[in-house]
Amino acid sequence: MLKDVNTIKGDKQSYRINPNIKKYSLSDVGFIKTKRGNYILQRSLDPMDPYTAKKKLKVTVDSKLKQLDISTTDSSGLQPIDIFKNGGDSEAIEQYHFIIQNLLDREILEINE
């Protein structure tokens, strides 16, 4: 579900769309435009095997660049998972933070204070 402020399950930090966001920045980092005009980014959270991802990060930005949805899912992209549960999956968490930091650096997302 698209919201103004979003976070993934288990993460203490929440994010929102950076007001300085540009559409070309989305395509620069790999977002793909959907039939409805939204933008979606799917990245593997498995640094050892990015092509057969068992865990994925999905980030969706609406066509007006105002709302977003961030989630971690299984390989199908349909079932949400909590990478922070029970001490967490350290490799997946590190990859998650790396991807999010890139989106922060590119002024696509910003931390919700």
PDB file of N, CA and C in Angstrom:
ATOM      1  N   MET A   1       0.842  -1.177   0.000  1.00  0.00           N
ATOM      2  CA  MET A   1       0.000   0.000   0.000  1.00  0.00           C
ATOM      3  C   MET A   1       0.891   1.246   0.000  1.00  0.00           C
ATOM      4  N   LEU A   2       0.610   2.150  -0.898  1.00  0.00           N
ATOM      5  CA  LEU A   2       1.396   3.376  -0.996  1.00  0.00           C
ATOM      6  C   LEU A   2       1.003   4.346   0.112  1.00  0.00           C
ATOM      7  N   LYS A   3       2.013   4.913   0.769  1.00  0.00           N
ATOM      8  CA  LYS A   3       1.803   5.857   1.868  1.00  0.00           C
ATOM      9  C   LYS A   3       2.812   6.993   1.753  1.00  0.00           C
ATOM     10  N   ASP A   4       2.569   8.055   2.508  1.00  0.00           N
ATOM     11  CA  ASP A   4       3.529   9.165   2.543  1.00  0.00           C
ATOM     12  C   ASP A   4       4.810   8.752   3.264  1.00  0.00           C
ATOM     13  N   VAL A   5       4.679   7.978   4.339  1.00  0.00           N
ATOM     14  CA  VAL A   5       5.818   7.502   5.127  1.00  0.00           C
ATOM     15  C   VAL A   5       5.713   5.987   5.204  1.00  0.00           C
ATOM     16  N   ASN A   6       6.842   5.298   5.001  1.00  0.00           N
ATOM     17  CA  ASN A   6       6.805   3.848   4.974  1.00  0.00           C
ATOM     18  C   ASN A   6       8.085   3.263   5.547  1.00  0.00           C
ATOM     19  N   THR A   7       8.005   2.024   5.986  1.00  0.00           N
ATOM     20  CA  THR A   7       9.152   1.278   6.487  1.00  0.00           C
ATOM     21  C   THR A   7       8.911  -0.195   6.223  1.00  0.00           C
ATOM     22  N   ILE A   8       9.968  -1.004   6.332  1.00  0.00           N
ATOM     23  CA  ILE A   8       9.752  -2.432   6.196  1.00  0.00           C
ATOM     24  C   ILE A   8       9.540  -3.029   7.574  1.00  0.00           C
ATOM     25  N   LYS A   9       8.914  -4.172   7.607  1.00  0.00           N
ATOM     26  CA  LYS A   9       8.628  -4.865   8.855  1.00  0.00           C
ATOM     27  C   LYS A   9       9.921  -5.175   9.591  1.00  0.00           C
ATOM     28  N   GLY A  10      10.000  -4.767  10.847  1.00  0.00           N
ATOM     29  CA  GLY A  10      11.157  -5.040  11.685  1.00  0.00           C
ATOM     30  C   GLY A  10      12.184  -3.922  11.722  1.00  0.00           C
ATOM     31  N   ASP A  11      12.146  -2.994  10.765  1.00  0.00           N
ATOM     32  CA  ASP A  11      13.103  -1.884  10.737  1.00  0.00           C
ATOM     33  C   ASP A  11      12.568  -0.756  11.600  1.00  0.00           C
ATOM     34  N   LYS A  12      13.446  -0.135  12.363  1.00  0.00           N
ATOM     35  CA  LYS A  12      13.034   0.971  13.230  1.00  0.00           C
ATOM     36  C   LYS A  12      12.964   2.293  12.483  1.00  0.00           C
ATOM     37  N   GLN A  13      13.623   2.370  11.331  1.00  0.00           N
ATOM     38  CA  GLN A  13      13.697   3.610  10.560  1.00  0.00           C
ATOM     39  C   GLN A  13      12.571   3.655   9.527  1.00  0.00           C
ATOM     40  N   SER A  14      11.966   4.832   9.366  1.00  0.00           N
ATOM     41  CA  SER A  14      10.946   4.999   8.336  1.00  0.00           C
ATOM     42  C   SER A  14      11.445   6.014   7.305  1.00  0.00           C
ATOM     43  N   TYR A  15      10.893   5.914   6.115  1.00  0.00           N
ATOM     44  CA  TYR A  15      11.349   6.730   4.985  1.00  0.00           C
ATOM     45  C   TYR A  15      10.162   7.369   4.278  1.00  0.00           C
ATOM     46  N   ARG A  16      10.456   8.445   3.567  1.00  0.00           N
ATOM     47  CA  ARG A  16       9.461   9.106   2.721  1.00  0.00           C
ATOM     48  C   ARG A  16      10.167   9.582   1.459  1.00  0.00           C
ATOM     49  N   ILE A  17       9.382  10.024   0.498  1.00  0.00           N
ATOM     50  CA  ILE A  17       9.930  10.527  -0.760  1.00  0.00           C
ATOM     51  C   ILE A  17      10.646  11.846  -0.492  1.00  0.00           C
ATOM     52  N   ASN A  18      11.831  11.978  -1.035  1.00  0.00           N
ATOM     53  CA  ASN A  18      12.579  13.235  -0.925  1.00  0.00           C
ATOM     54  C   ASN A  18      11.898  14.279  -1.809  1.00  0.00           C
ATOM     55  N   PRO A  19      11.659  15.487  -1.300  1.00  0.00           N
ATOM     56  CA  PRO A  19      11.007  16.517  -2.121  1.00  0.00           C
ATOM     57  C   PRO A  19      11.836  16.917  -3.354  1.00  0.00           C
ATOM     58  N   ASN A  20      13.129  16.613  -3.354  1.00  0.00           N
ATOM     59  CA  ASN A  20      13.995  16.946  -4.498  1.00  0.00           C
ATOM     60  C   ASN A  20      14.043  15.840  -5.544  1.00  0.00           C
ATOM     61  N   ILE A  21      13.195  14.821  -5.434  1.00  0.00           N
ATOM     62  CA  ILE A  21      13.216  13.677  -6.339  1.00  0.00           C
ATOM     63  C   ILE A  21      12.988  14.116  -7.792  1.00  0.00           C
ATOM     64  N   LYS A  22      13.679  13.442  -8.689  1.00  0.00           N
ATOM     65  CA  LYS A  22      13.527  13.678 -10.132  1.00  0.00           C
ATOM     66  C   LYS A  22      13.218  12.335 -10.787  1.00  0.00           C
ATOM     67  N   LYS A  23      12.367  12.354 -11.806  1.00  0.00           N
ATOM     68  CA  LYS A  23      11.999  11.112 -12.488  1.00  0.00           C
ATOM     69  C   LYS A  23      13.212  10.420 -13.092  1.00  0.00           C
ATOM     70  N   TYR A  24      14.139  11.185 -13.643  1.00  0.00           N
ATOM     71  CA  TYR A  24      15.307  10.551 -14.263  1.00  0.00           C
ATOM     72  C   TYR A  24      16.192   9.868 -13.224  1.00  0.00           C
ATOM     73  N   SER A  25      16.151  10.330 -11.961  1.00  0.00           N
ATOM     74  CA  SER A  25      16.915   9.672 -10.902  1.00  0.00           C
ATOM     75  C   SER A  25      16.396   8.257 -10.659  1.00  0.00           C
ATOM     76  N   LEU A  26      15.093   8.087 -10.806  1.00  0.00           N
ATOM     77  CA  LEU A  26      14.509   6.763 -10.614  1.00  0.00           C
ATOM     78  C   LEU A  26      15.040   5.775 -11.647  1.00  0.00           C
ATOM     79  N   SER A  27      15.064   6.189 -12.907  1.00  0.00           N
ATOM     80  CA  SER A  27      15.567   5.271 -13.938  1.00  0.00           C
ATOM     81  C   SER A  27      17.073   5.055 -13.807  1.00  0.00           C
ATOM     82  N   ASP A  28      17.792   6.054 -13.298  1.00  0.00           N
ATOM     83  CA  ASP A  28      19.241   5.915 -13.109  1.00  0.00           C
ATOM     84  C   ASP A  28      19.595   4.788 -12.144  1.00  0.00           C
ATOM     85  N   VAL A  29      18.758   4.550 -11.130  1.00  0.00           N
ATOM     86  CA  VAL A  29      19.054   3.513 -10.143  1.00  0.00           C
ATOM     87  C   VAL A  29      18.340   2.198 -10.433  1.00  0.00           C
ATOM     88  N   GLY A  30      17.539   2.151 -11.498  1.00  0.00           N
ATOM     89  CA  GLY A  30      16.933   0.890 -11.906  1.00  0.00           C
ATOM     90  C   GLY A  30      15.438   0.759 -11.717  1.00  0.00           C
ATOM     91  N   PHE A  31      14.744   1.825 -11.368  1.00  0.00           N
ATOM     92  CA  PHE A  31      13.284   1.758 -11.287  1.00  0.00           C
ATOM     93  C   PHE A  31      12.722   1.566 -12.689  1.00  0.00           C
ATOM     94  N   ILE A  32      11.648   0.791 -12.772  1.00  0.00           N
ATOM     95  CA  ILE A  32      10.961   0.542 -14.036  1.00  0.00           C
ATOM     96  C   ILE A  32       9.557   1.105 -13.925  1.00  0.00           C
ATOM     97  N   LYS A  33       9.095   1.774 -14.989  1.00  0.00           N
ATOM     98  CA  LYS A  33       7.755   2.343 -14.991  1.00  0.00           C
ATOM     99  C   LYS A  33       6.739   1.249 -15.297  1.00  0.00           C
ATOM    100  N   THR A  34       5.680   1.175 -14.470  1.00  0.00           N
ATOM    101  CA  THR A  34       4.638   0.169 -14.654  1.00  0.00           C
ATOM    102  C   THR A  34       3.557   0.695 -15.600  1.00  0.00           C
ATOM    103  N   LYS A  35       2.613  -0.171 -15.956  1.00  0.00           N
ATOM    104  CA  LYS A  35       1.508   0.218 -16.838  1.00  0.00           C
ATOM    105  C   LYS A  35       0.656   1.323 -16.227  1.00  0.00           C
ATOM    106  N   ARG A  36       0.587   1.353 -14.905  1.00  0.00           N
ATOM    107  CA  ARG A  36      -0.207   2.383 -14.208  1.00  0.00           C
ATOM    108  C   ARG A  36       0.558   3.686 -14.011  1.00  0.00           C
ATOM    109  N   GLY A  37       1.808   3.708 -14.420  1.00  0.00           N
ATOM    110  CA  GLY A  37       2.605   4.924 -14.299  1.00  0.00           C
ATOM    111  C   GLY A  37       3.441   5.000 -13.035  1.00  0.00           C
ATOM    112  N   ASN A  38       3.310   4.005 -12.148  1.00  0.00           N
ATOM    113  CA  ASN A  38       4.140   3.971 -10.949  1.00  0.00           C
ATOM    114  C   ASN A  38       5.535   3.497 -11.317  1.00  0.00           C
ATOM    115  N   TYR A  39       6.459   3.618 -10.378  1.00  0.00           N
ATOM    116  CA  TYR A  39       7.839   3.182 -10.583  1.00  0.00           C
ATOM    117  C   TYR A  39       8.157   2.111  -9.558  1.00  0.00           C
ATOM    118  N   ILE A  40       8.780   1.027 -10.005  1.00  0.00           N
ATOM    119  CA  ILE A  40       9.084  -0.079  -9.096  1.00  0.00           C
ATOM    120  C   ILE A  40      10.546  -0.502  -9.235  1.00  0.00           C
ATOM    121  N   LEU A  41      11.159  -0.761  -8.084  1.00  0.00           N
ATOM    122  CA  LEU A  41      12.534  -1.243  -8.015  1.00  0.00           C
ATOM    123  C   LEU A  41      12.514  -2.554  -7.230  1.00  0.00           C
ATOM    124  N   GLN A  42      13.108  -3.599  -7.792  1.00  0.00           N
ATOM    125  CA  GLN A  42      13.235  -4.876  -7.097  1.00  0.00           C
ATOM    126  C   GLN A  42      14.704  -5.249  -7.100  1.00  0.00           C
ATOM    127  N   ARG A  43      15.237  -5.497  -5.904  1.00  0.00           N
ATOM    128  CA  ARG A  43      16.643  -5.848  -5.766  1.00  0.00           C
ATOM    129  C   ARG A  43      16.790  -7.054  -4.850  1.00  0.00           C
ATOM    130  N   SER A  44      17.743  -7.901  -5.174  1.00  0.00           N
ATOM    131  CA  SER A  44      18.055  -9.064  -4.364  1.00  0.00           C
ATOM    132  C   SER A  44      18.712  -8.626  -3.058  1.00  0.00           C
ATOM    133  N   LEU A  45      18.360  -9.303  -1.979  1.00  0.00           N
ATOM    134  CA  LEU A  45      19.015  -9.069  -0.695  1.00  0.00           C
ATOM    135  C   LEU A  45      20.038 -10.163  -0.393  1.00  0.00           C
ATOM    136  N   ASP A  46      20.368 -10.950  -1.406  1.00  0.00           N
ATOM    137  CA  ASP A  46      21.372 -12.001  -1.277  1.00  0.00           C
ATOM    138  C   ASP A  46      22.629 -11.556  -2.017  1.00  0.00           C
ATOM    139  N   PRO A  47      23.643 -11.067  -1.301  1.00  0.00           N
ATOM    140  CA  PRO A  47      24.829 -10.551  -1.977  1.00  0.00           C
ATOM    141  C   PRO A  47      25.648 -11.636  -2.682  1.00  0.00           C
ATOM    142  N   MET A  48      25.455 -12.894  -2.300  1.00  0.00           N
ATOM    143  CA  MET A  48      26.216 -13.985  -2.908  1.00  0.00           C
ATOM    144  C   MET A  48      25.609 -14.475  -4.213  1.00  0.00           C
ATOM    145  N   ASP A  49      24.296 -14.331  -4.392  1.00  0.00           N
ATOM    146  CA  ASP A  49      23.625 -14.817  -5.588  1.00  0.00           C
ATOM    147  C   ASP A  49      22.496 -13.861  -5.976  1.00  0.00           C
ATOM    148  N   PRO A  50      22.812 -12.766  -6.650  1.00  0.00           N
ATOM    149  CA  PRO A  50      21.795 -11.767  -6.971  1.00  0.00           C
ATOM    150  C   PRO A  50      20.794 -12.202  -8.042  1.00  0.00           C
ATOM    151  N   TYR A  51      21.060 -13.297  -8.739  1.00  0.00           N
ATOM    152  CA  TYR A  51      20.188 -13.707  -9.838  1.00  0.00           C
ATOM    153  C   TYR A  51      19.077 -14.655  -9.415  1.00  0.00           C
ATOM    154  N   THR A  52      19.282 -15.414  -8.369  1.00  0.00           N
ATOM    155  CA  THR A  52      18.237 -16.301  -7.852  1.00  0.00           C
ATOM    156  C   THR A  52      17.933 -15.888  -6.415  1.00  0.00           C
ATOM    157  N   ALA A  53      17.417 -14.707  -6.270  1.00  0.00           N
ATOM    158  CA  ALA A  53      17.189 -14.106  -4.957  1.00  0.00           C
ATOM    159  C   ALA A  53      16.140 -14.867  -4.155  1.00  0.00           C
ATOM    160  N   LYS A  54      16.502 -15.217  -2.928  1.00  0.00           N
ATOM    161  CA  LYS A  54      15.548 -15.832  -2.011  1.00  0.00           C
ATOM    162  C   LYS A  54      14.789 -14.760  -1.242  1.00  0.00           C
ATOM    163  N   LYS A  55      15.409 -13.589  -1.163  1.00  0.00           N
ATOM    164  CA  LYS A  55      14.801 -12.435  -0.488  1.00  0.00           C
ATOM    165  C   LYS A  55      14.982 -11.220  -1.387  1.00  0.00           C
ATOM    166  N   LYS A  56      13.935 -10.399  -1.469  1.00  0.00           N
ATOM    167  CA  LYS A  56      13.989  -9.213  -2.327  1.00  0.00           C
ATOM    168  C   LYS A  56      13.542  -7.969  -1.566  1.00  0.00           C
ATOM    169  N   LEU A  57      14.072  -6.857  -1.992  1.00  0.00           N
ATOM    170  CA  LEU A  57      13.586  -5.555  -1.549  1.00  0.00           C
ATOM    171  C   LEU A  57      12.773  -4.979  -2.694  1.00  0.00           C
ATOM    172  N   LYS A  58      11.545  -4.580  -2.398  1.00  0.00           N
ATOM    173  CA  LYS A  58      10.696  -3.942  -3.404  1.00  0.00           C
ATOM    174  C   LYS A  58      10.386  -2.524  -2.940  1.00  0.00           C
ATOM    175  N   VAL A  59      10.635  -1.560  -3.821  1.00  0.00           N
ATOM    176  CA  VAL A  59      10.303  -0.163  -3.540  1.00  0.00           C
ATOM    177  C   VAL A  59       9.418   0.321  -4.684  1.00  0.00           C
ATOM    178  N   THR A  60       8.242   0.820  -4.342  1.00  0.00           N
ATOM    179  CA  THR A  60       7.316   1.352  -5.333  1.00  0.00           C
ATOM    180  C   THR A  60       7.072   2.820  -5.032  1.00  0.00           C
ATOM    181  N   VAL A  61       7.164   3.650  -6.076  1.00  0.00           N
ATOM    182  CA  VAL A  61       6.903   5.087  -5.964  1.00  0.00           C
ATOM    183  C   VAL A  61       5.739   5.400  -6.892  1.00  0.00           C
ATOM    184  N   ASP A  62       4.762   6.166  -6.402  1.00  0.00           N
ATOM    185  CA  ASP A  62       3.603   6.475  -7.242  1.00  0.00           C
ATOM    186  C   ASP A  62       3.973   7.433  -8.372  1.00  0.00           C
ATOM    187  N   SER A  63       3.109   7.525  -9.352  1.00  0.00           N
ATOM    188  CA  SER A  63       3.377   8.315 -10.557  1.00  0.00           C
ATOM    189  C   SER A  63       3.532   9.805 -10.273  1.00  0.00           C
ATOM    190  N   LYS A  64       2.966  10.287  -9.169  1.00  0.00           N
ATOM    191  CA  LYS A  64       3.071  11.703  -8.806  1.00  0.00           C
ATOM    192  C   LYS A  64       4.297  12.001  -7.946  1.00  0.00           C
ATOM    193  N   LEU A  65       5.053  10.941  -7.639  1.00  0.00           N
ATOM    194  CA  LEU A  65       6.267  11.045  -6.826  1.00  0.00           C
ATOM    195  C   LEU A  65       5.987  11.612  -5.432  1.00  0.00           C
ATOM    196  N   LYS A  66       4.877  11.175  -4.836  1.00  0.00           N
ATOM    197  CA  LYS A  66       4.488  11.651  -3.508  1.00  0.00           C
ATOM    198  C   LYS A  66       4.395  10.536  -2.477  1.00  0.00           C
ATOM    199  N   GLN A  67       4.071   9.304  -2.901  1.00  0.00           N
ATOM    200  CA  GLN A  67       3.887   8.204  -1.967  1.00  0.00           C
ATOM    201  C   GLN A  67       4.754   7.017  -2.367  1.00  0.00           C
ATOM    202  N   LEU A  68       5.006   6.137  -1.388  1.00  0.00           N
ATOM    203  CA  LEU A  68       5.830   4.978  -1.668  1.00  0.00           C
ATOM    204  C   LEU A  68       5.402   3.776  -0.845  1.00  0.00           C
ATOM    205  N   ASP A  69       5.915   2.629  -1.249  1.00  0.00           N
ATOM    206  CA  ASP A  69       5.761   1.392  -0.506  1.00  0.00           C
ATOM    207  C   ASP A  69       7.117   0.703  -0.516  1.00  0.00           C
ATOM    208  N   ILE A  70       7.562   0.277   0.650  1.00  0.00           N
ATOM    209  CA  ILE A  70       8.829  -0.436   0.786  1.00  0.00           C
ATOM    210  C   ILE A  70       8.515  -1.763   1.468  1.00  0.00           C
ATOM    211  N   SER A  71       9.016  -2.863   0.901  1.00  0.00           N
ATOM    212  CA  SER A  71       8.793  -4.163   1.532  1.00  0.00           C
ATOM    213  C   SER A  71       9.927  -5.119   1.199  1.00  0.00           C
ATOM    214  N   THR A  72      10.107  -6.101   2.076  1.00  0.00           N
ATOM    215  CA  THR A  72      11.014  -7.206   1.791  1.00  0.00           C
ATOM    216  C   THR A  72      10.128  -8.424   1.587  1.00  0.00           C
ATOM    217  N   THR A  73      10.429  -9.185   0.544  1.00  0.00           N
ATOM    218  CA  THR A  73       9.577 -10.305   0.172  1.00  0.00           C
ATOM    219  C   THR A  73      10.395 -11.563  -0.084  1.00  0.00           C
ATOM    220  N   ASP A  74       9.674 -12.660  -0.257  1.00  0.00           N
ATOM    221  CA  ASP A  74      10.318 -13.915  -0.655  1.00  0.00           C
ATOM    222  C   ASP A  74      10.664 -13.845  -2.141  1.00  0.00           C
ATOM    223  N   SER A  75      11.165 -14.945  -2.684  1.00  0.00           N
ATOM    224  CA  SER A  75      11.620 -14.949  -4.073  1.00  0.00           C
ATOM    225  C   SER A  75      10.498 -14.677  -5.075  1.00  0.00           C
ATOM    226  N   SER A  76       9.257 -15.007  -4.728  1.00  0.00           N
ATOM    227  CA  SER A  76       8.138 -14.759  -5.637  1.00  0.00           C
ATOM    228  C   SER A  76       7.762 -13.284  -5.679  1.00  0.00           C
ATOM    229  N   GLY A  77       8.148 -12.543  -4.638  1.00  0.00           N
ATOM    230  CA  GLY A  77       7.776 -11.133  -4.555  1.00  0.00           C
ATOM    231  C   GLY A  77       6.391 -10.913  -3.993  1.00  0.00           C
ATOM    232  N   LEU A  78       5.742 -11.985  -3.551  1.00  0.00           N
ATOM    233  CA  LEU A  78       4.366 -11.882  -3.078  1.00  0.00           C
ATOM    234  C   LEU A  78       4.211 -11.963  -1.563  1.00  0.00           C
ATOM    235  N   GLN A  79       5.061 -12.737  -0.902  1.00  0.00           N
ATOM    236  CA  GLN A  79       4.951 -12.921   0.541  1.00  0.00           C
ATOM    237  C   GLN A  79       5.932 -12.020   1.279  1.00  0.00           C
ATOM    238  N   PRO A  80       5.425 -11.113   2.127  1.00  0.00           N
ATOM    239  CA  PRO A  80       6.339 -10.269   2.897  1.00  0.00           C
ATOM    240  C   PRO A  80       7.119 -11.103   3.921  1.00  0.00           C
ATOM    241  N   ILE A  81       8.374 -10.732   4.140  1.00  0.00           N
ATOM    242  CA  ILE A  81       9.197 -11.398   5.144  1.00  0.00           C
ATOM    243  C   ILE A  81       9.861 -10.342   6.019  1.00  0.00           C
ATOM    244  N   ASP A  82      10.265 -10.755   7.207  1.00  0.00           N
ATOM    245  CA  ASP A  82      10.929  -9.868   8.161  1.00  0.00           C
ATOM    246  C   ASP A  82      12.393 -10.299   8.265  1.00  0.00           C
ATOM    247  N   ILE A  83      13.285  -9.562   7.621  1.00  0.00           N
ATOM    248  CA  ILE A  83      14.707  -9.919   7.643  1.00  0.00           C
ATOM    249  C   ILE A  83      15.348  -9.602   8.990  1.00  0.00           C
ATOM    250  N   PHE A  84      14.658  -8.851   9.847  1.00  0.00           N
ATOM    251  CA  PHE A  84      15.180  -8.473  11.160  1.00  0.00           C
ATOM    252  C   PHE A  84      14.743  -9.446  12.261  1.00  0.00           C
ATOM    253  N   LYS A  85      13.853 -10.371  11.952  1.00  0.00           N
ATOM    254  CA  LYS A  85      13.276 -11.276  12.945  1.00  0.00           C
ATOM    255  C   LYS A  85      14.335 -12.197  13.560  1.00  0.00           C
ATOM    256  N   ASN A  86      14.235 -12.412  14.863  1.00  0.00           N
ATOM    257  CA  ASN A  86      15.105 -13.331  15.613  1.00  0.00           C
ATOM    258  C   ASN A  86      16.594 -13.038  15.403  1.00  0.00           C
ATOM    259  N   GLY A  87      16.977 -11.812  15.541  1.00  0.00           N
ATOM    260  CA  GLY A  87      18.383 -11.446  15.367  1.00  0.00           C
ATOM    261  C   GLY A  87      18.725 -11.090  13.936  1.00  0.00           C
ATOM    262  N   GLY A  88      17.900 -11.497  13.022  1.00  0.00           N
ATOM    263  CA  GLY A  88      18.037 -11.076  11.638  1.00  0.00           C
ATOM    264  C   GLY A  88      19.043 -11.860  10.815  1.00  0.00           C
ATOM    265  N   ASP A  89      18.930 -11.638   9.533  1.00  0.00           N
ATOM    266  CA  ASP A  89      19.841 -12.206   8.542  1.00  0.00           C
ATOM    267  C   ASP A  89      20.851 -11.104   8.230  1.00  0.00           C
ATOM    268  N   SER A  90      22.046 -11.190   8.810  1.00  0.00           N
ATOM    269  CA  SER A  90      23.007 -10.094   8.740  1.00  0.00           C
ATOM    270  C   SER A  90      23.391  -9.714   7.305  1.00  0.00           C
ATOM    271  N   GLU A  91      23.534 -10.688   6.410  1.00  0.00           N
ATOM    272  CA  GLU A  91      23.887 -10.368   5.024  1.00  0.00           C
ATOM    273  C   GLU A  91      22.746  -9.635   4.315  1.00  0.00           C
ATOM    274  N   ALA A  92      21.514 -10.089   4.532  1.00  0.00           N
ATOM    275  CA  ALA A  92      20.355  -9.442   3.919  1.00  0.00           C
ATOM    276  C   ALA A  92      20.166  -8.032   4.480  1.00  0.00           C
ATOM    277  N   ILE A  93      20.381  -7.866   5.776  1.00  0.00           N
ATOM    278  CA  ILE A  93      20.241  -6.547   6.407  1.00  0.00           C
ATOM    279  C   ILE A  93      21.304  -5.598   5.869  1.00  0.00           C
ATOM    280  N   GLU A  94      22.524  -6.079   5.732  1.00  0.00           N
ATOM    281  CA  GLU A  94      23.598  -5.239   5.189  1.00  0.00           C
ATOM    282  C   GLU A  94      23.286  -4.824   3.756  1.00  0.00           C
ATOM    283  N   GLN A  95      22.798  -5.745   2.942  1.00  0.00           N
ATOM    284  CA  GLN A  95      22.441  -5.429   1.555  1.00  0.00           C
ATOM    285  C   GLN A  95      21.270  -4.447   1.509  1.00  0.00           C
ATOM    286  N   TYR A  96      20.285  -4.638   2.386  1.00  0.00           N
ATOM    287  CA  TYR A  96      19.138  -3.731   2.493  1.00  0.00           C
ATOM    288  C   TYR A  96      19.608  -2.309   2.791  1.00  0.00           C
ATOM    289  N   HIS A  97      20.490  -2.163   3.793  1.00  0.00           N
ATOM    290  CA  HIS A  97      20.980  -0.836   4.158  1.00  0.00           C
ATOM    291  C   HIS A  97      21.814  -0.215   3.026  1.00  0.00           C
ATOM    292  N   PHE A  98      22.546  -1.026   2.295  1.00  0.00           N
ATOM    293  CA  PHE A  98      23.330  -0.530   1.162  1.00  0.00           C
ATOM    294  C   PHE A  98      22.412   0.039   0.078  1.00  0.00           C
ATOM    295  N   ILE A  99      21.347  -0.677  -0.253  1.00  0.00           N
ATOM    296  CA  ILE A  99      20.403  -0.219  -1.290  1.00  0.00           C
ATOM    297  C   ILE A  99      19.682   1.043  -0.831  1.00  0.00           C
ATOM    298  N   ILE A 100      19.212   1.041   0.413  1.00  0.00           N
ATOM    299  CA  ILE A 100      18.508   2.215   0.951  1.00  0.00           C
ATOM    300  C   ILE A 100      19.442   3.422   0.979  1.00  0.00           C
ATOM    301  N   GLN A 101      20.701   3.230   1.379  1.00  0.00           N
ATOM    302  CA  GLN A 101      21.653   4.342   1.411  1.00  0.00           C
ATOM    303  C   GLN A 101      21.849   4.935   0.025  1.00  0.00           C
ATOM    304  N   ASN A 102      21.887   4.094  -0.996  1.00  0.00           N
ATOM    305  CA  ASN A 102      21.999   4.579  -2.370  1.00  0.00           C
ATOM    306  C   ASN A 102      20.789   5.445  -2.732  1.00  0.00           C
ATOM    307  N   LEU A 103      19.588   5.025  -2.322  1.00  0.00           N
ATOM    308  CA  LEU A 103      18.381   5.807  -2.602  1.00  0.00           C
ATOM    309  C   LEU A 103      18.382   7.124  -1.823  1.00  0.00           C
ATOM    310  N   LEU A 104      18.948   7.115  -0.623  1.00  0.00           N
ATOM    311  CA  LEU A 104      19.084   8.354   0.150  1.00  0.00           C
ATOM    312  C   LEU A 104      20.093   9.288  -0.511  1.00  0.00           C
ATOM    313  N   ASP A 105      21.232   8.740  -0.931  1.00  0.00           N
ATOM    314  CA  ASP A 105      22.281   9.541  -1.574  1.00  0.00           C
ATOM    315  C   ASP A 105      21.796  10.168  -2.878  1.00  0.00           C
ATOM    316  N   ARG A 106      20.948   9.466  -3.600  1.00  0.00           N
ATOM    317  CA  ARG A 106      20.432   9.947  -4.901  1.00  0.00           C
ATOM    318  C   ARG A 106      19.219  10.871  -4.743  1.00  0.00           C
ATOM    319  N   GLU A 107      18.855  11.185  -3.505  1.00  0.00           N
ATOM    320  CA  GLU A 107      17.722  12.060  -3.172  1.00  0.00           C
ATOM    321  C   GLU A 107      16.402  11.530  -3.705  1.00  0.00           C
ATOM    322  N   ILE A 108      16.256  10.206  -3.629  1.00  0.00           N
ATOM    323  CA  ILE A 108      14.978   9.575  -3.966  1.00  0.00           C
ATOM    324  C   ILE A 108      14.171   9.409  -2.685  1.00  0.00           C
ATOM    325  N   LEU A 109      14.836   8.966  -1.631  1.00  0.00           N
ATOM    326  CA  LEU A 109      14.208   8.823  -0.318  1.00  0.00           C
ATOM    327  C   LEU A 109      14.879   9.759   0.670  1.00  0.00           C
ATOM    328  N   GLU A 110      14.177  10.003   1.780  1.00  0.00           N
ATOM    329  CA  GLU A 110      14.780  10.691   2.906  1.00  0.00           C
ATOM    330  C   GLU A 110      14.255  10.044   4.178  1.00  0.00           C
ATOM    331  N   ILE A 111      15.038  10.152   5.239  1.00  0.00           N
ATOM    332  CA  ILE A 111      14.652   9.579   6.522  1.00  0.00           C
ATOM    333  C   ILE A 111      13.546  10.421   7.122  1.00  0.00           C
ATOM    334  N   ASN A 112      12.515   9.754   7.611  1.00  0.00           N
ATOM    335  CA  ASN A 112      11.411  10.437   8.268  1.00  0.00           C
ATOM    336  C   ASN A 112      11.796  10.687   9.714  1.00  0.00           C
ATOM    337  N   GLU A 113      11.926  11.928  10.084  1.00  0.00           N
ATOM    338  CA  GLU A 113      12.317  12.298  11.460  1.00  0.00           C
ATOM    339  C   GLU A 113      11.109  12.332  12.366  1.00  0.00           C
TER     340      GLU A 113
END
